[in-house]
């Protein structure tokens, strides 16, 4: 398991839910590549409304069909490891937004096998 405390870098990738890489959801491909690269962790968050460079508003509201909602993939690790991962995103993210933010990790722990959350 990766140990992570103190200064870190947060990588956020914003893409559309329908974006794909070789017939697989793009967000899933990014998460799997981050895992293969040994990064500390990655999470995917589905947005309920948003717009990007196209200026088209995508929403999950009932009157508008949920088409291509925004998805955020958030990865936190050391600056060195995040920056080393960036070239792997170049071929994947052809449309979207990639940002980096400094952050501080206060606590990073995992459950042991068989343990259930409280």
N, C-alpha and C. Protein backbone atom coordinates (compact mmCIF):
# COMPACT_ATOMS: atom_id res chain seq x y z
N UNK A 1 0.83 -1.18 0.00
CA UNK A 1 0.00 0.00 0.00
C UNK A 1 0.88 1.25 0.00
N UNK A 2 0.48 2.22 -0.75
CA UNK A 2 1.19 3.48 -0.80
C UNK A 2 0.98 4.26 0.50
N UNK A 3 2.04 4.80 1.05
CA UNK A 3 1.94 5.67 2.23
C UNK A 3 1.88 7.10 1.71
N UNK A 4 0.96 7.87 2.25
CA UNK A 4 0.80 9.23 1.75
C UNK A 4 0.33 10.13 2.89
N UNK A 5 1.16 11.08 3.26
CA UNK A 5 0.77 12.12 4.21
C UNK A 5 1.52 13.38 3.83
N UNK A 6 0.97 14.51 4.25
CA UNK A 6 1.63 15.79 3.99
C UNK A 6 1.31 16.34 2.62
N UNK A 7 2.26 17.08 2.06
CA UNK A 7 2.05 17.76 0.77
C UNK A 7 1.82 16.74 -0.34
N UNK A 8 0.82 17.04 -1.18
CA UNK A 8 0.48 16.15 -2.29
C UNK A 8 -0.07 16.99 -3.44
N UNK A 9 -0.40 16.32 -4.53
CA UNK A 9 -0.97 16.99 -5.69
C UNK A 9 -2.27 16.28 -6.05
N UNK A 10 -3.32 17.06 -6.30
CA UNK A 10 -4.61 16.51 -6.72
C UNK A 10 -4.77 16.72 -8.22
N UNK A 11 -4.95 15.64 -8.93
CA UNK A 11 -5.19 15.66 -10.36
C UNK A 11 -6.69 15.46 -10.57
N UNK A 12 -7.32 16.38 -11.28
CA UNK A 12 -8.74 16.25 -11.59
C UNK A 12 -8.90 16.25 -13.10
N UNK A 13 -9.61 15.25 -13.60
CA UNK A 13 -9.88 15.14 -15.03
C UNK A 13 -11.38 15.23 -15.21
N UNK A 14 -11.83 16.22 -15.99
CA UNK A 14 -13.26 16.40 -16.26
C UNK A 14 -13.54 16.01 -17.70
N UNK A 15 -14.40 15.02 -17.87
CA UNK A 15 -14.77 14.53 -19.20
C UNK A 15 -16.27 14.27 -19.20
N UNK A 16 -16.78 13.82 -20.32
CA UNK A 16 -18.19 13.47 -20.43
C UNK A 16 -18.39 11.99 -20.09
N UNK A 17 -19.53 11.70 -19.53
CA UNK A 17 -19.86 10.32 -19.15
C UNK A 17 -19.83 9.37 -20.35
N UNK A 18 -20.17 9.86 -21.52
CA UNK A 18 -20.22 9.01 -22.71
C UNK A 18 -18.89 8.91 -23.44
N UNK A 19 -17.86 9.60 -22.98
CA UNK A 19 -16.55 9.52 -23.63
C UNK A 19 -15.99 8.11 -23.45
N UNK A 20 -15.41 7.58 -24.53
CA UNK A 20 -14.90 6.22 -24.48
C UNK A 20 -13.46 6.14 -24.97
N UNK A 21 -12.83 5.04 -24.61
CA UNK A 21 -11.49 4.68 -25.10
C UNK A 21 -11.57 3.21 -25.49
N UNK A 22 -11.52 2.95 -26.78
CA UNK A 22 -11.61 1.58 -27.31
C UNK A 22 -12.84 0.86 -26.76
N UNK A 23 -14.00 1.48 -26.87
CA UNK A 23 -15.30 0.94 -26.49
C UNK A 23 -15.47 0.73 -24.98
N UNK A 24 -14.65 1.37 -24.19
CA UNK A 24 -14.72 1.28 -22.73
C UNK A 24 -14.89 2.71 -22.21
N UNK A 25 -15.64 2.90 -21.11
CA UNK A 25 -15.77 4.26 -20.59
C UNK A 25 -14.40 4.88 -20.29
N UNK A 26 -14.21 6.11 -20.74
CA UNK A 26 -12.92 6.78 -20.56
C UNK A 26 -12.55 6.89 -19.09
N UNK A 27 -13.53 7.22 -18.23
CA UNK A 27 -13.22 7.35 -16.81
C UNK A 27 -12.70 6.03 -16.24
N UNK A 28 -13.23 4.92 -16.71
CA UNK A 28 -12.78 3.61 -16.23
C UNK A 28 -11.34 3.33 -16.69
N UNK A 29 -11.04 3.68 -17.91
CA UNK A 29 -9.68 3.49 -18.44
C UNK A 29 -8.67 4.32 -17.64
N UNK A 30 -9.04 5.56 -17.30
CA UNK A 30 -8.14 6.41 -16.51
C UNK A 30 -7.91 5.81 -15.13
N UNK A 31 -8.98 5.34 -14.48
CA UNK A 31 -8.84 4.73 -13.15
C UNK A 31 -7.95 3.49 -13.22
N UNK A 32 -8.16 2.65 -14.21
CA UNK A 32 -7.35 1.43 -14.32
C UNK A 32 -5.89 1.75 -14.62
N UNK A 33 -5.64 2.77 -15.42
CA UNK A 33 -4.24 3.15 -15.69
C UNK A 33 -3.60 3.75 -14.44
N UNK A 34 -4.36 4.51 -13.66
CA UNK A 34 -3.82 5.06 -12.42
C UNK A 34 -3.49 3.93 -11.44
N UNK A 35 -4.33 2.93 -11.40
CA UNK A 35 -4.08 1.77 -10.54
C UNK A 35 -2.82 1.03 -10.99
N UNK A 36 -2.72 0.80 -12.30
CA UNK A 36 -1.55 0.11 -12.85
C UNK A 36 -0.26 0.89 -12.61
N UNK A 37 -0.38 2.23 -12.55
CA UNK A 37 0.79 3.08 -12.31
C UNK A 37 1.15 3.11 -10.83
N UNK A 38 0.34 2.49 -9.98
CA UNK A 38 0.63 2.44 -8.56
C UNK A 38 0.30 3.71 -7.80
N UNK A 39 -0.60 4.53 -8.36
CA UNK A 39 -0.97 5.75 -7.66
C UNK A 39 -1.79 5.42 -6.41
N UNK A 40 -1.81 6.36 -5.47
CA UNK A 40 -2.42 6.11 -4.17
C UNK A 40 -3.91 5.80 -4.25
N UNK A 41 -4.64 6.41 -5.17
CA UNK A 41 -6.06 6.15 -5.30
C UNK A 41 -6.71 7.04 -6.32
N UNK A 42 -7.87 6.64 -6.79
CA UNK A 42 -8.63 7.42 -7.76
C UNK A 42 -10.12 7.22 -7.48
N UNK A 43 -10.90 8.27 -7.67
CA UNK A 43 -12.35 8.20 -7.50
C UNK A 43 -13.01 8.89 -8.68
N UNK A 44 -14.19 8.39 -9.04
CA UNK A 44 -14.96 8.98 -10.13
C UNK A 44 -16.25 9.53 -9.54
N UNK A 45 -16.56 10.77 -9.91
CA UNK A 45 -17.76 11.44 -9.44
C UNK A 45 -18.60 11.86 -10.64
N UNK A 46 -19.87 11.49 -10.62
CA UNK A 46 -20.78 11.83 -11.71
C UNK A 46 -21.49 13.13 -11.37
N UNK A 47 -21.41 14.08 -12.27
CA UNK A 47 -22.07 15.37 -12.06
C UNK A 47 -23.55 15.31 -12.40
N UNK A 48 -24.29 16.26 -11.86
CA UNK A 48 -25.72 16.31 -12.18
C UNK A 48 -26.04 17.38 -13.22
N UNK A 49 -25.07 18.29 -13.44
CA UNK A 49 -25.26 19.31 -14.44
C UNK A 49 -23.93 19.99 -14.71
N UNK A 50 -23.72 20.43 -15.94
CA UNK A 50 -22.50 21.15 -16.24
C UNK A 50 -22.37 21.47 -17.72
N UNK A 51 -21.35 22.26 -18.03
CA UNK A 51 -21.02 22.55 -19.43
C UNK A 51 -19.52 22.75 -19.51
N UNK A 52 -19.01 22.61 -20.70
CA UNK A 52 -17.57 22.75 -20.91
C UNK A 52 -17.30 23.62 -22.11
N UNK A 53 -16.25 23.30 -22.84
CA UNK A 53 -15.81 24.11 -23.97
C UNK A 53 -16.87 24.23 -25.06
N UNK A 54 -17.74 23.22 -25.17
CA UNK A 54 -18.78 23.26 -26.20
C UNK A 54 -19.91 24.23 -25.85
N UNK A 55 -19.98 24.67 -24.59
CA UNK A 55 -21.03 25.54 -24.07
C UNK A 55 -22.41 24.90 -24.07
N UNK A 56 -22.51 23.60 -24.31
CA UNK A 56 -23.79 22.90 -24.21
C UNK A 56 -23.99 22.48 -22.75
N UNK A 57 -25.15 22.78 -22.19
CA UNK A 57 -25.43 22.39 -20.82
C UNK A 57 -25.99 20.98 -20.81
N UNK A 58 -25.37 20.12 -20.02
CA UNK A 58 -25.81 18.74 -19.84
C UNK A 58 -26.39 18.66 -18.43
N UNK A 59 -27.58 18.05 -18.31
CA UNK A 59 -28.26 18.02 -17.02
C UNK A 59 -28.95 16.69 -16.79
N UNK A 60 -29.19 16.36 -15.54
CA UNK A 60 -29.91 15.13 -15.20
C UNK A 60 -31.36 15.42 -14.83
N UNK A 61 -31.79 16.68 -14.98
CA UNK A 61 -33.16 17.03 -14.64
C UNK A 61 -34.15 16.22 -15.47
N UNK A 62 -35.30 15.95 -14.90
CA UNK A 62 -36.30 15.08 -15.50
C UNK A 62 -36.74 15.55 -16.89
N UNK A 63 -36.90 16.86 -17.07
CA UNK A 63 -37.39 17.35 -18.35
C UNK A 63 -36.35 17.27 -19.45
N UNK A 64 -35.08 17.15 -19.06
CA UNK A 64 -34.02 16.97 -20.05
C UNK A 64 -33.45 15.58 -19.86
N UNK A 65 -33.35 14.83 -20.92
CA UNK A 65 -32.76 13.50 -20.80
C UNK A 65 -31.30 13.63 -20.37
N UNK A 66 -30.88 12.72 -19.49
CA UNK A 66 -29.49 12.79 -19.02
C UNK A 66 -28.57 12.28 -20.12
N UNK A 67 -28.03 13.20 -20.86
CA UNK A 67 -27.11 12.86 -21.93
C UNK A 67 -25.73 13.39 -21.61
N UNK A 68 -24.78 12.51 -21.60
CA UNK A 68 -23.38 12.87 -21.46
C UNK A 68 -23.11 13.79 -20.28
N UNK A 69 -23.52 13.36 -19.09
CA UNK A 69 -23.30 14.16 -17.89
C UNK A 69 -21.81 14.30 -17.60
N UNK A 70 -21.43 15.36 -16.89
CA UNK A 70 -20.01 15.52 -16.57
C UNK A 70 -19.54 14.47 -15.57
N UNK A 71 -18.29 14.05 -15.73
CA UNK A 71 -17.67 13.08 -14.83
C UNK A 71 -16.32 13.66 -14.41
N UNK A 72 -16.04 13.59 -13.10
CA UNK A 72 -14.75 14.05 -12.57
C UNK A 72 -13.99 12.84 -12.03
N UNK A 73 -12.78 12.66 -12.49
CA UNK A 73 -11.89 11.64 -11.96
C UNK A 73 -10.87 12.37 -11.11
N UNK A 74 -10.79 12.03 -9.82
CA UNK A 74 -9.89 12.71 -8.90
C UNK A 74 -8.85 11.71 -8.41
N UNK A 75 -7.58 12.11 -8.55
CA UNK A 75 -6.46 11.27 -8.14
C UNK A 75 -5.54 12.11 -7.27
N UNK A 76 -5.14 11.59 -6.11
CA UNK A 76 -4.24 12.30 -5.21
C UNK A 76 -3.02 11.43 -4.95
N UNK A 77 -1.85 12.02 -5.09
CA UNK A 77 -0.59 11.33 -4.79
C UNK A 77 0.49 12.39 -4.67
N UNK A 78 1.72 11.96 -4.55
CA UNK A 78 2.82 12.92 -4.47
C UNK A 78 2.94 13.65 -5.80
N UNK A 79 3.52 14.83 -5.76
CA UNK A 79 3.69 15.60 -7.00
C UNK A 79 4.49 14.82 -8.03
N UNK A 80 5.54 14.18 -7.62
CA UNK A 80 6.40 13.43 -8.54
C UNK A 80 5.62 12.32 -9.25
N UNK A 81 4.81 11.58 -8.51
CA UNK A 81 4.07 10.46 -9.10
C UNK A 81 2.94 10.95 -10.00
N UNK A 82 2.26 12.03 -9.60
CA UNK A 82 1.19 12.59 -10.44
C UNK A 82 1.77 13.13 -11.74
N UNK A 83 2.86 13.89 -11.66
CA UNK A 83 3.46 14.45 -12.88
C UNK A 83 3.98 13.35 -13.80
N UNK A 84 4.46 12.26 -13.24
CA UNK A 84 4.91 11.13 -14.06
C UNK A 84 3.74 10.46 -14.78
N UNK A 85 2.55 10.57 -14.21
CA UNK A 85 1.35 9.96 -14.79
C UNK A 85 0.75 10.80 -15.92
N UNK A 86 1.01 12.10 -15.93
CA UNK A 86 0.39 13.01 -16.90
C UNK A 86 0.57 12.59 -18.36
N UNK A 87 1.75 12.13 -18.78
CA UNK A 87 1.87 11.72 -20.19
C UNK A 87 0.92 10.59 -20.58
N UNK A 88 0.54 9.76 -19.63
CA UNK A 88 -0.41 8.67 -19.92
C UNK A 88 -1.81 9.20 -20.22
N UNK A 89 -2.10 10.41 -19.72
CA UNK A 89 -3.40 11.02 -20.00
C UNK A 89 -3.45 11.67 -21.38
N UNK A 90 -2.28 12.07 -21.90
CA UNK A 90 -2.23 12.77 -23.19
C UNK A 90 -2.95 12.02 -24.30
N UNK A 91 -2.75 10.71 -24.38
CA UNK A 91 -3.38 9.96 -25.45
C UNK A 91 -4.86 9.69 -25.17
N UNK A 92 -5.27 9.75 -23.91
CA UNK A 92 -6.65 9.42 -23.54
C UNK A 92 -7.59 10.61 -23.62
N UNK A 93 -7.18 11.74 -23.08
CA UNK A 93 -8.07 12.90 -22.95
C UNK A 93 -7.87 13.81 -24.16
N UNK A 94 -8.74 13.63 -25.14
CA UNK A 94 -8.67 14.48 -26.34
C UNK A 94 -9.63 15.66 -26.21
N UNK A 95 -10.68 15.49 -25.39
CA UNK A 95 -11.62 16.56 -25.08
C UNK A 95 -11.88 16.50 -23.58
N UNK A 96 -11.75 17.61 -22.91
CA UNK A 96 -11.99 17.64 -21.48
C UNK A 96 -11.08 18.65 -20.82
N UNK A 97 -11.00 18.58 -19.51
CA UNK A 97 -10.18 19.50 -18.74
C UNK A 97 -9.37 18.70 -17.74
N UNK A 98 -8.08 19.02 -17.65
CA UNK A 98 -7.19 18.38 -16.69
C UNK A 98 -6.60 19.48 -15.83
N UNK A 99 -6.77 19.37 -14.50
CA UNK A 99 -6.22 20.39 -13.61
C UNK A 99 -5.37 19.73 -12.53
N UNK A 100 -4.45 20.53 -11.99
CA UNK A 100 -3.61 20.12 -10.88
C UNK A 100 -3.76 21.14 -9.76
N UNK A 101 -3.90 20.65 -8.53
CA UNK A 101 -4.02 21.52 -7.37
C UNK A 101 -3.16 20.96 -6.25
N UNK A 102 -2.37 21.83 -5.60
CA UNK A 102 -1.65 21.35 -4.42
C UNK A 102 -2.65 21.07 -3.30
N UNK A 103 -2.39 20.05 -2.51
CA UNK A 103 -3.25 19.75 -1.38
C UNK A 103 -2.41 19.13 -0.27
N UNK A 104 -3.02 18.95 0.87
CA UNK A 104 -2.33 18.34 2.00
C UNK A 104 -3.13 17.13 2.45
N UNK A 105 -2.47 15.99 2.51
CA UNK A 105 -3.13 14.77 2.96
C UNK A 105 -3.02 14.71 4.48
N UNK A 106 -4.16 14.66 5.12
CA UNK A 106 -4.22 14.60 6.58
C UNK A 106 -4.23 13.14 7.04
N UNK A 107 -5.03 12.34 6.37
CA UNK A 107 -5.13 10.94 6.76
C UNK A 107 -5.39 10.10 5.52
N UNK A 108 -4.68 8.99 5.40
CA UNK A 108 -4.85 8.07 4.28
C UNK A 108 -4.70 6.66 4.84
N UNK A 109 -5.83 5.98 4.99
CA UNK A 109 -5.81 4.64 5.57
C UNK A 109 -6.72 3.74 4.75
N UNK A 110 -6.60 2.45 4.96
CA UNK A 110 -7.47 1.50 4.28
C UNK A 110 -7.97 0.48 5.28
N UNK A 111 -9.07 -0.16 4.91
CA UNK A 111 -9.59 -1.25 5.74
C UNK A 111 -8.73 -2.47 5.51
N UNK A 112 -8.58 -3.28 6.53
CA UNK A 112 -7.89 -4.56 6.36
C UNK A 112 -8.89 -5.55 5.81
N UNK A 113 -8.40 -6.63 5.20
CA UNK A 113 -9.27 -7.62 4.58
C UNK A 113 -10.30 -8.14 5.57
N UNK A 114 -11.55 -8.21 5.13
CA UNK A 114 -12.62 -8.73 5.96
C UNK A 114 -13.24 -7.73 6.92
N UNK A 115 -12.65 -6.58 7.05
CA UNK A 115 -13.17 -5.56 7.96
C UNK A 115 -14.31 -4.82 7.29
N UNK A 116 -15.37 -4.54 8.03
CA UNK A 116 -16.50 -3.80 7.47
C UNK A 116 -16.46 -2.37 7.99
N UNK A 117 -16.99 -1.44 7.20
CA UNK A 117 -16.98 -0.04 7.65
C UNK A 117 -17.88 0.15 8.86
N UNK A 118 -17.52 1.13 9.69
CA UNK A 118 -18.31 1.41 10.90
C UNK A 118 -19.57 2.14 10.58
